[in-house]
Amino acid sequence: MPKMIVSIDGVVIKEVQLTKDRTTLGRRPYNDIVIDNLAVSGEHAVMQMTGNEVYLEDLNSTNGTYVNGKAAKKQLLANNDTVEIGKYKIKFVNEAANASFEQTMVVKPGSAGVAMPPAASAAAAPSVNAAIKVLSGAAAGREVPLVKVVTTIGKPGVAVAAITKRPHGFVVAHVEGSNKPTLNGAPIGAEPVTLKDMDVLELAGTQMQFVQG
């Protein structure tokens, strides 16, 4: 399970497990991670978790949020990344981050279609009970079995969604980008939405269908 280890001047002051889809950080007492320091804004940043992926987003804080010394607005955190807020350093620990991802499918703008992971074939995973089938673009007819915990689809900076395998089935959520994906014509937000057999997803102009069973 991913966690944040908060320290100042090399001394660890708290350790917080990320157990929710959305974890807030700031000076105000209602935040999930409270850092009572004037260098920290009341609502400073938020960590959004989809499967094993954790995105850090700065909430227009006064002093900014830095990851490994560089200013960050919204960034996917990697294991052992260091988030800096004022004099505080927050180490992100997520040892499972690299172990359970499907490769990212990249949706290219226009009619170029979807670039699929080369190993994603139904023959390679006969026990798969769900897949994404591409309906439009150059990759129409291709299927990607949903065998990992998280499968991300989209183009970073344009539109990215994540399909997460859960005990009760599969859910989809919007991860980043101003171009929100749609599910059966309705926009998808950051809150996970349960997928049903034959649901149609559209992302950056490419249509895909969720097939289960």
C-alpha atoms as a PDB file:
ATOM      1  CA  MET A   1       0.000   0.000   0.000  1.00  0.00           C
ATOM      2  CA  PRO A   2       1.448   3.419  -0.918  1.00  0.00           C
ATOM      3  CA  LYS A   3       2.403   5.757   1.908  1.00  0.00           C
ATOM      4  CA  MET A   4       3.770   9.260   2.548  1.00  0.00           C
ATOM      5  CA  ILE A   5       6.588   9.763   5.099  1.00  0.00           C
ATOM      6  CA  VAL A   6       6.717  13.389   6.307  1.00  0.00           C
ATOM      7  CA  SER A   7       9.987  14.750   7.704  1.00  0.00           C
ATOM      8  CA  ILE A   8      11.645  18.064   8.523  1.00  0.00           C
ATOM      9  CA  ASP A   9      15.406  18.530   8.924  1.00  0.00           C
ATOM     10  CA  GLY A  10      15.826  14.786   8.529  1.00  0.00           C
ATOM     11  CA  VAL A  11      13.437  13.914  11.375  1.00  0.00           C
ATOM     12  CA  VAL A  12      10.345  11.867  10.491  1.00  0.00           C
ATOM     13  CA  ILE A  13       7.259  13.432  12.089  1.00  0.00           C
ATOM     14  CA  LYS A  14       4.485  11.304  10.603  1.00  0.00           C
ATOM     15  CA  GLU A  15       3.770   8.428   8.265  1.00  0.00           C
ATOM     16  CA  VAL A  16       0.443   8.246   6.425  1.00  0.00           C
ATOM     17  CA  GLN A  17      -0.909   5.247   4.491  1.00  0.00           C
ATOM     18  CA  LEU A  18      -2.817   6.217   1.329  1.00  0.00           C
ATOM     19  CA  THR A  19      -6.011   4.185   1.678  1.00  0.00           C
ATOM     20  CA  LYS A  20      -8.505   6.485  -0.080  1.00  0.00           C
ATOM     21  CA  ASP A  21      -9.000   7.482  -3.723  1.00  0.00           C
ATOM     22  CA  ARG A  22      -8.409  11.105  -2.678  1.00  0.00           C
ATOM     23  CA  THR A  23      -6.050  12.239   0.130  1.00  0.00           C
ATOM     24  CA  THR A  24      -5.707  15.950   0.898  1.00  0.00           C
ATOM     25  CA  LEU A  25      -2.695  17.736   2.359  1.00  0.00           C
ATOM     26  CA  GLY A  26      -2.644  21.188   3.929  1.00  0.00           C
ATOM     27  CA  ARG A  27      -2.517  23.376   7.040  1.00  0.00           C
ATOM     28  CA  ARG A  28      -6.235  23.202   7.880  1.00  0.00           C
ATOM     29  CA  PRO A  29      -7.218  20.532  10.434  1.00  0.00           C
ATOM     30  CA  TYR A  30      -9.756  18.848   8.119  1.00  0.00           C
ATOM     31  CA  ASN A  31      -7.048  17.655   5.705  1.00  0.00           C
ATOM     32  CA  ASP A  32      -6.048  13.979   5.702  1.00  0.00           C
ATOM     33  CA  ILE A  33      -2.383  14.990   6.094  1.00  0.00           C
ATOM     34  CA  VAL A  34      -2.123  18.099   8.306  1.00  0.00           C
ATOM     35  CA  ILE A  35       1.105  20.140   8.311  1.00  0.00           C
ATOM     36  CA  ASP A  36       0.635  23.083  10.661  1.00  0.00           C
ATOM     37  CA  ASN A  37       3.110  25.545   9.189  1.00  0.00           C
ATOM     38  CA  LEU A  38       2.587  28.957   7.591  1.00  0.00           C
ATOM     39  CA  ALA A  39       4.571  27.869   4.521  1.00  0.00           C
ATOM     40  CA  VAL A  40       1.816  25.329   3.843  1.00  0.00           C
ATOM     41  CA  SER A  41      -1.467  26.553   2.345  1.00  0.00           C
ATOM     42  CA  GLY A  42      -4.787  25.689   3.982  1.00  0.00           C
ATOM     43  CA  GLU A  43      -5.540  23.318   1.124  1.00  0.00           C
ATOM     44  CA  HIS A  44      -2.124  22.770  -0.413  1.00  0.00           C
ATOM     45  CA  ALA A  45      -2.196  19.582  -2.496  1.00  0.00           C
ATOM     46  CA  VAL A  46      -4.131  16.388  -3.137  1.00  0.00           C
ATOM     47  CA  MET A  47      -3.051  12.814  -3.900  1.00  0.00           C
ATOM     48  CA  GLN A  48      -5.434  10.940  -6.205  1.00  0.00           C
ATOM     49  CA  MET A  49      -5.061   7.163  -6.240  1.00  0.00           C
ATOM     50  CA  THR A  50      -6.288   4.932  -9.043  1.00  0.00           C
ATOM     51  CA  GLY A  51      -5.299   1.327  -8.446  1.00  0.00           C
ATOM     52  CA  ASN A  52      -1.587   1.539  -7.604  1.00  0.00           C
ATOM     53  CA  GLU A  53      -1.048   4.852  -9.417  1.00  0.00           C
ATOM     54  CA  VAL A  54      -0.897   8.005  -7.307  1.00  0.00           C
ATOM     55  CA  TYR A  55      -1.101  11.461  -8.887  1.00  0.00           C
ATOM     56  CA  LEU A  56      -0.020  14.524  -6.889  1.00  0.00           C
ATOM     57  CA  GLU A  57      -1.792  17.778  -7.754  1.00  0.00           C
ATOM     58  CA  ASP A  58      -0.952  21.216  -6.369  1.00  0.00           C
ATOM     59  CA  LEU A  59      -4.114  23.141  -5.429  1.00  0.00           C
ATOM     60  CA  ASN A  60      -2.825  26.580  -6.493  1.00  0.00           C
ATOM     61  CA  SER A  61      -0.861  26.826  -3.234  1.00  0.00           C
ATOM     62  CA  THR A  62       0.960  30.022  -2.284  1.00  0.00           C
ATOM     63  CA  ASN A  63       4.454  28.521  -2.095  1.00  0.00           C
ATOM     64  CA  GLY A  64       4.077  25.703  -4.606  1.00  0.00           C
ATOM     65  CA  THR A  65       4.731  21.971  -4.501  1.00  0.00           C
ATOM     66  CA  TYR A  66       8.005  20.424  -5.648  1.00  0.00           C
ATOM     67  CA  VAL A  67       8.809  16.849  -6.656  1.00  0.00           C
ATOM     68  CA  ASN A  68      12.505  15.907  -6.596  1.00  0.00           C
ATOM     69  CA  GLY A  69      13.407  19.607  -6.612  1.00  0.00           C
ATOM     70  CA  LYS A  70      11.209  20.610  -9.564  1.00  0.00           C
ATOM     71  CA  ALA A  71       7.948  22.552  -9.373  1.00  0.00           C
ATOM     72  CA  ALA A  72       4.976  20.302 -10.032  1.00  0.00           C
ATOM     73  CA  LYS A  73       1.379  21.150 -10.905  1.00  0.00           C
ATOM     74  CA  LYS A  74       0.160  17.596 -11.495  1.00  0.00           C
ATOM     75  CA  GLN A  75       2.448  14.617 -11.616  1.00  0.00           C
ATOM     76  CA  LEU A  76       2.379  10.843 -11.384  1.00  0.00           C
ATOM     77  CA  LEU A  77       4.469   9.866  -8.364  1.00  0.00           C
ATOM     78  CA  ALA A  78       7.083   7.125  -8.606  1.00  0.00           C
ATOM     79  CA  ASN A  79       8.445   5.015  -5.762  1.00  0.00           C
ATOM     80  CA  ASN A  80      10.929   6.991  -3.586  1.00  0.00           C
ATOM     81  CA  ASP A  81       9.969  10.385  -5.069  1.00  0.00           C
ATOM     82  CA  THR A  82      10.459  13.274  -2.627  1.00  0.00           C
ATOM     83  CA  VAL A  83       7.714  15.896  -2.402  1.00  0.00           C
ATOM     84  CA  GLU A  84       8.875  19.223  -0.956  1.00  0.00           C
ATOM     85  CA  ILE A  85       6.536  21.760   0.640  1.00  0.00           C
ATOM     86  CA  GLY A  86       8.335  24.593   2.423  1.00  0.00           C
ATOM     87  CA  LYS A  87      10.944  23.006   4.696  1.00  0.00           C
ATOM     88  CA  TYR A  88       9.039  19.730   4.806  1.00  0.00           C
ATOM     89  CA  LYS A  89      10.044  16.716   2.773  1.00  0.00           C
ATOM     90  CA  ILE A  90       7.525  13.956   2.079  1.00  0.00           C
ATOM     91  CA  LYS A  91       8.887  10.676   0.749  1.00  0.00           C
ATOM     92  CA  PHE A  92       6.494   8.672  -1.408  1.00  0.00           C
ATOM     93  CA  VAL A  93       6.847   4.911  -0.966  1.00  0.00           C
ATOM     94  CA  ASN A  94       4.970   2.613  -3.346  1.00  0.00           C
ATOM     95  CA  GLU A  95       6.875  -0.619  -3.888  1.00  0.00           C
ATOM     96  CA  ALA A  96       3.989  -2.193  -5.819  1.00  0.00           C
ATOM     97  CA  ALA A  97       3.799   0.690  -8.317  1.00  0.00           C
ATOM     98  CA  ASN A  98       5.829  -0.987 -11.029  1.00  0.00           C
ATOM     99  CA  ALA A  99       4.590  -4.528 -10.475  1.00  0.00           C
ATOM    100  CA  SER A 100       0.937  -4.457 -11.470  1.00  0.00           C
ATOM    101  CA  PHE A 101       0.425  -2.111 -14.414  1.00  0.00           C
ATOM    102  CA  GLU A 102      -0.770  -2.971 -17.846  1.00  0.00           C
ATOM    103  CA  GLN A 103       1.264  -1.071 -20.409  1.00  0.00           C
ATOM    104  CA  THR A 104      -0.269   2.255 -21.343  1.00  0.00           C
ATOM    105  CA  MET A 105      -2.307   2.387 -24.522  1.00  0.00           C
ATOM    106  CA  VAL A 106      -1.628   5.683 -26.276  1.00  0.00           C
ATOM    107  CA  VAL A 107      -4.474   7.413 -28.050  1.00  0.00           C
ATOM    108  CA  LYS A 108      -3.078   9.656 -30.746  1.00  0.00           C
ATOM    109  CA  PRO A 109      -4.982  12.801 -31.778  1.00  0.00           C
ATOM    110  CA  GLY A 110      -7.047  12.601 -34.939  1.00  0.00           C
ATOM    111  CA  SER A 111      -7.571   9.345 -36.759  1.00  0.00           C
ATOM    112  CA  ALA A 112      -4.216   7.718 -35.979  1.00  0.00           C
ATOM    113  CA  GLY A 113      -5.969   5.335 -33.583  1.00  0.00           C
ATOM    114  CA  VAL A 114      -4.621   3.523 -30.561  1.00  0.00           C
ATOM    115  CA  ALA A 115      -1.169   2.050 -30.073  1.00  0.00           C
ATOM    116  CA  MET A 116      -1.637  -1.246 -28.246  1.00  0.00           C
ATOM    117  CA  PRO A 117       0.824  -3.044 -25.965  1.00  0.00           C
ATOM    118  CA  PRO A 118       2.454  -5.658 -28.217  1.00  0.00           C
ATOM    119  CA  ALA A 119       1.921  -8.506 -25.729  1.00  0.00           C
ATOM    120  CA  ALA A 120      -1.787  -7.803 -25.276  1.00  0.00           C
ATOM    121  CA  SER A 121      -3.531 -10.640 -27.048  1.00  0.00           C
ATOM    122  CA  ALA A 122      -6.421 -12.881 -26.093  1.00  0.00           C
ATOM    123  CA  ALA A 123      -4.294 -15.965 -26.818  1.00  0.00           C
ATOM    124  CA  ALA A 124      -1.719 -14.939 -24.212  1.00  0.00           C
ATOM    125  CA  ALA A 125      -4.331 -14.720 -21.472  1.00  0.00           C
ATOM    126  CA  PRO A 126      -7.084 -17.294 -21.996  1.00  0.00           C
ATOM    127  CA  SER A 127      -8.485 -16.789 -18.487  1.00  0.00           C
ATOM    128  CA  VAL A 128      -9.235 -13.087 -19.014  1.00  0.00           C
ATOM    129  CA  ASN A 129     -12.873 -12.245 -18.389  1.00  0.00           C
ATOM    130  CA  ALA A 130     -12.840  -8.670 -19.668  1.00  0.00           C
ATOM    131  CA  ALA A 131     -11.234  -6.663 -22.461  1.00  0.00           C
ATOM    132  CA  ILE A 132     -11.302  -3.316 -24.243  1.00  0.00           C
ATOM    133  CA  LYS A 133     -12.172  -3.542 -27.945  1.00  0.00           C
ATOM    134  CA  VAL A 134     -11.257  -0.613 -30.196  1.00  0.00           C
ATOM    135  CA  LEU A 135     -14.161   0.439 -32.429  1.00  0.00           C
ATOM    136  CA  SER A 136     -12.654   3.327 -34.434  1.00  0.00           C
ATOM    137  CA  GLY A 137      -9.347   4.512 -35.850  1.00  0.00           C
ATOM    138  CA  ALA A 138      -6.453   2.545 -37.323  1.00  0.00           C
ATOM    139  CA  ALA A 139      -6.548  -0.017 -34.504  1.00  0.00           C
ATOM    140  CA  ALA A 140     -10.269  -0.819 -34.923  1.00  0.00           C
ATOM    141  CA  GLY A 141     -10.986  -4.441 -34.084  1.00  0.00           C
ATOM    142  CA  ARG A 142      -8.031  -4.855 -31.736  1.00  0.00           C
ATOM    143  CA  GLU A 143      -8.692  -6.100 -28.213  1.00  0.00           C
ATOM    144  CA  VAL A 144      -6.699  -5.514 -25.030  1.00  0.00           C
ATOM    145  CA  PRO A 145      -7.371  -8.056 -22.250  1.00  0.00           C
ATOM    146  CA  LEU A 146      -7.721  -6.410 -18.833  1.00  0.00           C
ATOM    147  CA  VAL A 147      -5.392  -8.733 -16.923  1.00  0.00           C
ATOM    148  CA  LYS A 148      -3.579  -6.253 -14.675  1.00  0.00           C
ATOM    149  CA  VAL A 149      -4.817  -4.302 -11.671  1.00  0.00           C
ATOM    150  CA  VAL A 150      -4.722  -1.042 -13.647  1.00  0.00           C
ATOM    151  CA  THR A 151      -4.840  -0.376 -17.393  1.00  0.00           C
ATOM    152  CA  THR A 152      -4.343   3.248 -18.407  1.00  0.00           C
ATOM    153  CA  ILE A 153      -5.586   4.501 -21.760  1.00  0.00           C
ATOM    154  CA  GLY A 154      -5.072   7.863 -23.412  1.00  0.00           C
ATOM    155  CA  LYS A 155      -2.481  10.487 -24.234  1.00  0.00           C
ATOM    156  CA  PRO A 156      -0.740  12.293 -21.332  1.00  0.00           C
ATOM    157  CA  GLY A 157      -1.613  15.992 -21.296  1.00  0.00           C
ATOM    158  CA  VAL A 158      -4.669  15.475 -23.525  1.00  0.00           C
ATOM    159  CA  ALA A 159      -6.817  12.829 -21.890  1.00  0.00           C
ATOM    160  CA  VAL A 160      -5.943   9.863 -19.677  1.00  0.00           C
ATOM    161  CA  ALA A 161      -8.357   7.396 -18.082  1.00  0.00           C
ATOM    162  CA  ALA A 162      -7.639   4.371 -15.910  1.00  0.00           C
ATOM    163  CA  ILE A 163      -9.547   1.092 -15.812  1.00  0.00           C
ATOM    164  CA  THR A 164      -9.103  -0.620 -12.445  1.00  0.00           C
ATOM    165  CA  LYS A 165      -9.851  -4.250 -11.645  1.00  0.00           C
ATOM    166  CA  ARG A 166     -11.719  -4.592  -8.366  1.00  0.00           C
ATOM    167  CA  PRO A 167     -13.232  -7.614  -6.583  1.00  0.00           C
ATOM    168  CA  HIS A 168     -16.733  -6.731  -7.805  1.00  0.00           C
ATOM    169  CA  GLY A 169     -15.726  -5.925 -11.371  1.00  0.00           C
ATOM    170  CA  PHE A 170     -14.075  -3.078 -13.301  1.00  0.00           C
ATOM    171  CA  VAL A 171     -14.284   0.700 -12.830  1.00  0.00           C
ATOM    172  CA  VAL A 172     -13.099   3.593 -14.990  1.00  0.00           C
ATOM    173  CA  ALA A 173     -12.005   7.069 -13.883  1.00  0.00           C
ATOM    174  CA  HIS A 174     -10.633  10.231 -15.526  1.00  0.00           C
ATOM    175  CA  VAL A 175      -7.010  10.719 -14.449  1.00  0.00           C
ATOM    176  CA  GLU A 176      -5.771  13.825 -16.275  1.00  0.00           C
ATOM    177  CA  GLY A 177      -6.289  16.118 -19.234  1.00  0.00           C
ATOM    178  CA  SER A 178      -8.922  18.729 -20.069  1.00  0.00           C
ATOM    179  CA  ASN A 179     -10.539  16.416 -22.618  1.00  0.00           C
ATOM    180  CA  LYS A 180     -12.748  14.251 -20.409  1.00  0.00           C
ATOM    181  CA  PRO A 181     -13.556  10.747 -21.611  1.00  0.00           C
ATOM    182  CA  THR A 182     -17.188   9.720 -21.978  1.00  0.00           C
ATOM    183  CA  LEU A 183     -19.032   6.534 -21.047  1.00  0.00           C
ATOM    184  CA  ASN A 184     -22.083   5.878 -23.218  1.00  0.00           C
ATOM    185  CA  GLY A 185     -22.041   9.599 -24.084  1.00  0.00           C
ATOM    186  CA  ALA A 186     -21.815  10.873 -20.482  1.00  0.00           C
ATOM    187  CA  PRO A 187     -18.597  12.580 -19.253  1.00  0.00           C
ATOM    188  CA  ILE A 188     -16.495  10.621 -16.746  1.00  0.00           C
ATOM    189  CA  GLY A 189     -15.097  12.467 -13.727  1.00  0.00           C
ATOM    190  CA  ALA A 190     -12.407  11.601 -11.163  1.00  0.00           C
ATOM    191  CA  GLU A 191     -14.807   9.369  -9.228  1.00  0.00           C
ATOM    192  CA  PRO A 192     -14.631   5.743 -10.454  1.00  0.00           C
ATOM    193  CA  VAL A 193     -17.644   4.533 -12.478  1.00  0.00           C
ATOM    194  CA  THR A 194     -18.534   0.847 -12.693  1.00  0.00           C
ATOM    195  CA  LEU A 195     -18.242  -0.628 -16.174  1.00  0.00           C
ATOM    196  CA  LYS A 196     -20.907  -2.934 -17.597  1.00  0.00           C
ATOM    197  CA  ASP A 197     -20.675  -5.345 -20.520  1.00  0.00           C
ATOM    198  CA  MET A 198     -20.884  -3.564 -23.917  1.00  0.00           C
ATOM    199  CA  ASP A 199     -20.355  -0.074 -22.428  1.00  0.00           C
ATOM    200  CA  VAL A 200     -18.815   2.328 -24.959  1.00  0.00           C
ATOM    201  CA  LEU A 201     -15.903   4.596 -23.944  1.00  0.00           C
ATOM    202  CA  GLU A 202     -14.727   7.518 -26.048  1.00  0.00           C
ATOM    203  CA  LEU A 203     -11.338   9.116 -25.413  1.00  0.00           C
ATOM    204  CA  ALA A 204      -9.617  11.742 -27.588  1.00  0.00           C
ATOM    205  CA  GLY A 205     -11.903  10.865 -30.491  1.00  0.00           C
ATOM    206  CA  THR A 206     -11.359   7.104 -30.314  1.00  0.00           C
ATOM    207  CA  GLN A 207     -14.247   4.805 -29.413  1.00  0.00           C
ATOM    208  CA  MET A 208     -13.657   1.645 -27.370  1.00  0.00           C
ATOM    209  CA  GLN A 209     -16.047  -0.971 -26.000  1.00  0.00           C
ATOM    210  CA  PHE A 210     -15.813  -2.778 -22.677  1.00  0.00           C
ATOM    211  CA  VAL A 211     -16.476  -6.489 -23.215  1.00  0.00           C
ATOM    212  CA  GLN A 212     -16.979  -8.846 -20.300  1.00  0.00           C
ATOM    213  CA  GLY A 213     -17.631 -12.557 -20.017  1.00  0.00           C
END
